[in-house]
């Protein structure tokens, strides 16, 4: 009976994430297809991906860079729009842009004698612009959430880790249940 229960639990672990992923993707496809008025599931989603890729290619050309810059300057002048646009752009750029901010994993020691440590990402190598010399800025993501904690602390309490930042982020956000990324020394 115990073996049968183990098989059942293993089956849950294998099937539930698969079906949840398929269901969420299907719902996203239907939603995007509904926005575009397309009745074939997935075609609207693929069309959206192609359009976003086209906009990225078009926005990368020399001719359109100045137009993009003018548009961004215009958006930066509008009070509510500026907050929404720049915040969204900064968060997205931190993960996938040319100016990735979560590229340097770190280990943060909370106190001098503390055995408690946090995992995070160095986002600013100096906090001098904040008027805090010999300090750094570290973002510590929360597990299973799109939020985190921003810490400003002495640089002596931060140790850089030589590991893949994407694997490190997956480890931190999963609450430590994914495989720990290899740290090279």
Protein backbone atom coordinates (compact mmCIF):
# COMPACT_ATOMS: atom_id res chain seq x y z
CA UNK A 1 0.00 0.00 0.00
CA UNK A 2 2.87 2.34 0.85
CA UNK A 3 4.45 1.70 -2.58
CA UNK A 4 1.13 2.41 -4.29
CA UNK A 5 0.81 5.71 -2.43
CA UNK A 6 4.39 6.57 -3.48
CA UNK A 7 3.48 5.91 -7.13
CA UNK A 8 0.43 8.12 -6.79
CA UNK A 9 2.44 11.00 -5.28
CA UNK A 10 5.10 10.61 -7.99
CA UNK A 11 2.34 10.68 -10.60
CA UNK A 12 1.02 13.92 -9.11
CA UNK A 13 4.47 15.48 -9.22
CA UNK A 14 4.81 14.51 -12.89
CA UNK A 15 1.32 15.30 -14.17
CA UNK A 16 0.07 18.34 -12.23
CA UNK A 17 2.85 20.77 -13.32
CA UNK A 18 2.49 19.55 -16.90
CA UNK A 19 -1.27 20.06 -17.00
CA UNK A 20 -1.09 23.41 -15.19
CA UNK A 21 1.49 24.61 -17.74
CA UNK A 22 -0.61 23.38 -20.67
CA UNK A 23 -3.76 24.97 -19.20
CA UNK A 24 -2.08 28.35 -18.56
CA UNK A 25 -0.54 28.40 -22.06
CA UNK A 26 -3.89 27.47 -23.60
CA UNK A 27 -5.65 30.25 -21.66
CA UNK A 28 -3.00 32.77 -22.75
CA UNK A 29 -3.39 31.63 -26.36
CA UNK A 30 -7.18 32.03 -26.16
CA UNK A 31 -6.91 35.46 -24.54
CA UNK A 32 -4.47 36.79 -27.14
CA UNK A 33 -6.49 35.19 -29.94
CA UNK A 34 -9.62 36.86 -28.53
CA UNK A 35 -7.93 40.27 -28.51
CA UNK A 36 -6.94 39.81 -32.14
CA UNK A 37 -10.23 38.20 -33.19
CA UNK A 38 -8.60 35.01 -34.46
CA UNK A 39 -10.52 31.76 -33.98
CA UNK A 40 -7.61 29.30 -34.38
CA UNK A 41 -5.98 28.71 -30.96
CA UNK A 42 -2.34 29.79 -30.86
CA UNK A 43 -2.24 31.75 -34.13
CA UNK A 44 -2.78 35.07 -32.34
CA UNK A 45 -0.06 34.25 -29.85
CA UNK A 46 2.40 33.36 -32.62
CA UNK A 47 1.39 36.52 -34.49
CA UNK A 48 2.04 38.56 -31.34
CA UNK A 49 5.49 37.00 -30.90
CA UNK A 50 6.31 37.75 -34.54
CA UNK A 51 5.08 41.34 -34.20
CA UNK A 52 7.13 41.93 -31.05
CA UNK A 53 10.21 40.50 -32.80
CA UNK A 54 9.57 42.77 -35.81
CA UNK A 55 9.24 45.83 -33.54
CA UNK A 56 12.53 44.85 -31.84
CA UNK A 57 14.31 44.53 -35.18
CA UNK A 58 12.77 47.77 -36.46
CA UNK A 59 13.65 49.60 -33.22
CA UNK A 60 17.26 48.44 -33.47
CA UNK A 61 17.94 50.09 -36.80
CA UNK A 62 19.89 53.36 -36.93
CA UNK A 63 16.99 55.21 -38.52
CA UNK A 64 14.48 54.40 -35.81
CA UNK A 65 16.72 54.73 -32.75
CA UNK A 66 16.31 58.49 -32.77
CA UNK A 67 12.53 58.15 -33.14
CA UNK A 68 12.46 55.74 -30.20
CA UNK A 69 14.55 58.19 -28.19
CA UNK A 70 12.17 61.06 -28.99
CA UNK A 71 9.17 58.89 -28.01
CA UNK A 72 10.83 57.90 -24.71
CA UNK A 73 11.64 61.56 -23.97
CA UNK A 74 8.00 62.45 -24.62
CA UNK A 75 6.76 59.68 -22.33
CA UNK A 76 9.23 60.78 -19.64
CA UNK A 77 7.53 64.21 -19.51
CA UNK A 78 4.03 62.92 -18.75
CA UNK A 79 3.58 62.52 -14.96
CA UNK A 80 1.62 59.24 -14.58
CA UNK A 81 2.81 57.79 -17.88
CA UNK A 82 6.45 58.41 -16.89
CA UNK A 83 6.05 56.38 -13.70
CA UNK A 84 4.33 53.50 -15.46
CA UNK A 85 6.58 53.44 -18.55
CA UNK A 86 9.94 53.84 -16.84
CA UNK A 87 9.11 51.38 -14.06
CA UNK A 88 7.98 48.72 -16.53
CA UNK A 89 10.97 49.33 -18.79
CA UNK A 90 13.45 49.20 -15.90
CA UNK A 91 12.03 45.95 -14.50
CA UNK A 92 11.98 44.30 -17.92
CA UNK A 93 15.48 45.57 -18.75
CA UNK A 94 16.79 44.24 -15.44
CA UNK A 95 15.98 40.70 -16.57
CA UNK A 96 16.35 40.63 -20.35
CA UNK A 97 17.69 43.94 -21.62
CA UNK A 98 21.11 45.07 -22.68
CA UNK A 99 21.61 46.54 -19.21
CA UNK A 100 20.81 43.45 -17.14
CA UNK A 101 20.85 44.33 -13.45
CA UNK A 102 20.51 40.83 -12.02
CA UNK A 103 23.74 39.52 -13.48
CA UNK A 104 25.93 39.42 -10.37
CA UNK A 105 24.78 36.93 -7.69
CA UNK A 106 25.95 37.68 -4.15
CA UNK A 107 25.87 36.27 -0.66
CA UNK A 108 24.93 38.85 1.97
CA UNK A 109 26.05 38.50 5.58
CA UNK A 110 23.51 40.24 7.79
CA UNK A 111 25.82 40.89 10.71
CA UNK A 112 29.49 40.61 11.59
CA UNK A 113 29.05 37.44 13.64
CA UNK A 114 25.75 36.35 12.11
CA UNK A 115 25.42 32.91 10.61
CA UNK A 116 22.29 34.09 8.78
CA UNK A 117 22.90 35.00 5.15
CA UNK A 118 20.76 36.15 2.23
CA UNK A 119 21.04 35.41 -1.47
CA UNK A 120 20.69 38.36 -3.79
CA UNK A 121 21.99 40.34 -6.74
CA UNK A 122 24.35 43.28 -6.73
CA UNK A 123 22.49 46.08 -8.52
CA UNK A 124 24.77 49.01 -7.71
CA UNK A 125 28.48 48.55 -6.93
CA UNK A 126 28.50 51.86 -5.06
CA UNK A 127 25.89 53.72 -3.02
CA UNK A 128 27.96 56.92 -3.06
CA UNK A 129 25.29 58.71 -5.14
CA UNK A 130 22.96 58.14 -2.19
CA UNK A 131 25.52 59.74 0.10
CA UNK A 132 26.50 56.39 1.62
CA UNK A 133 30.18 55.71 1.03
CA UNK A 134 31.71 52.22 1.03
CA UNK A 135 28.28 50.64 0.58
CA UNK A 136 26.58 48.68 -2.18
CA UNK A 137 22.97 48.08 -3.23
CA UNK A 138 21.68 44.50 -3.30
CA UNK A 139 18.29 43.21 -4.43
CA UNK A 140 17.09 40.11 -2.56
CA UNK A 141 14.19 38.39 -4.38
CA UNK A 142 11.34 36.85 -2.42
CA UNK A 143 10.59 33.20 -3.03
CA UNK A 144 7.53 32.38 -5.14
CA UNK A 145 6.77 36.07 -5.72
CA UNK A 146 7.51 38.97 -8.07
CA UNK A 147 8.79 41.07 -5.23
CA UNK A 148 11.93 41.48 -3.21
CA UNK A 149 13.88 43.52 -0.71
CA UNK A 150 16.34 46.27 -1.58
CA UNK A 151 19.29 46.45 0.81
CA UNK A 152 21.97 49.11 1.17
CA UNK A 153 24.82 47.70 3.21
CA UNK A 154 28.58 47.91 3.67
CA UNK A 155 30.47 46.29 0.82
CA UNK A 156 32.37 44.19 3.37
CA UNK A 157 29.15 42.26 4.06
CA UNK A 158 28.71 41.21 0.42
CA UNK A 159 30.54 38.35 -1.29
CA UNK A 160 30.35 38.02 -5.06
CA UNK A 161 29.46 34.52 -6.27
CA UNK A 162 30.79 33.13 -9.56
CA UNK A 163 27.72 31.32 -10.88
CA UNK A 164 25.13 31.55 -13.63
CA UNK A 165 22.71 34.34 -12.70
CA UNK A 166 19.66 32.69 -14.32
CA UNK A 167 20.18 29.44 -12.38
CA UNK A 168 20.84 31.47 -9.24
CA UNK A 169 17.59 33.43 -9.70
CA UNK A 170 15.66 30.19 -10.25
CA UNK A 171 17.15 28.78 -7.04
CA UNK A 172 16.33 31.90 -5.01
CA UNK A 173 12.80 32.37 -6.36
CA UNK A 174 11.95 28.67 -5.96
CA UNK A 175 12.69 28.89 -2.25
CA UNK A 176 15.78 26.73 -2.68
CA UNK A 177 13.97 23.67 -4.03
CA UNK A 178 15.63 23.69 -7.46
CA UNK A 179 19.18 22.43 -7.86
CA UNK A 180 21.73 24.80 -6.38
CA UNK A 181 23.83 26.42 -9.10
CA UNK A 182 27.49 25.45 -9.09
CA UNK A 183 29.75 28.10 -7.61
CA UNK A 184 33.17 28.29 -9.27
CA UNK A 185 36.03 29.67 -7.25
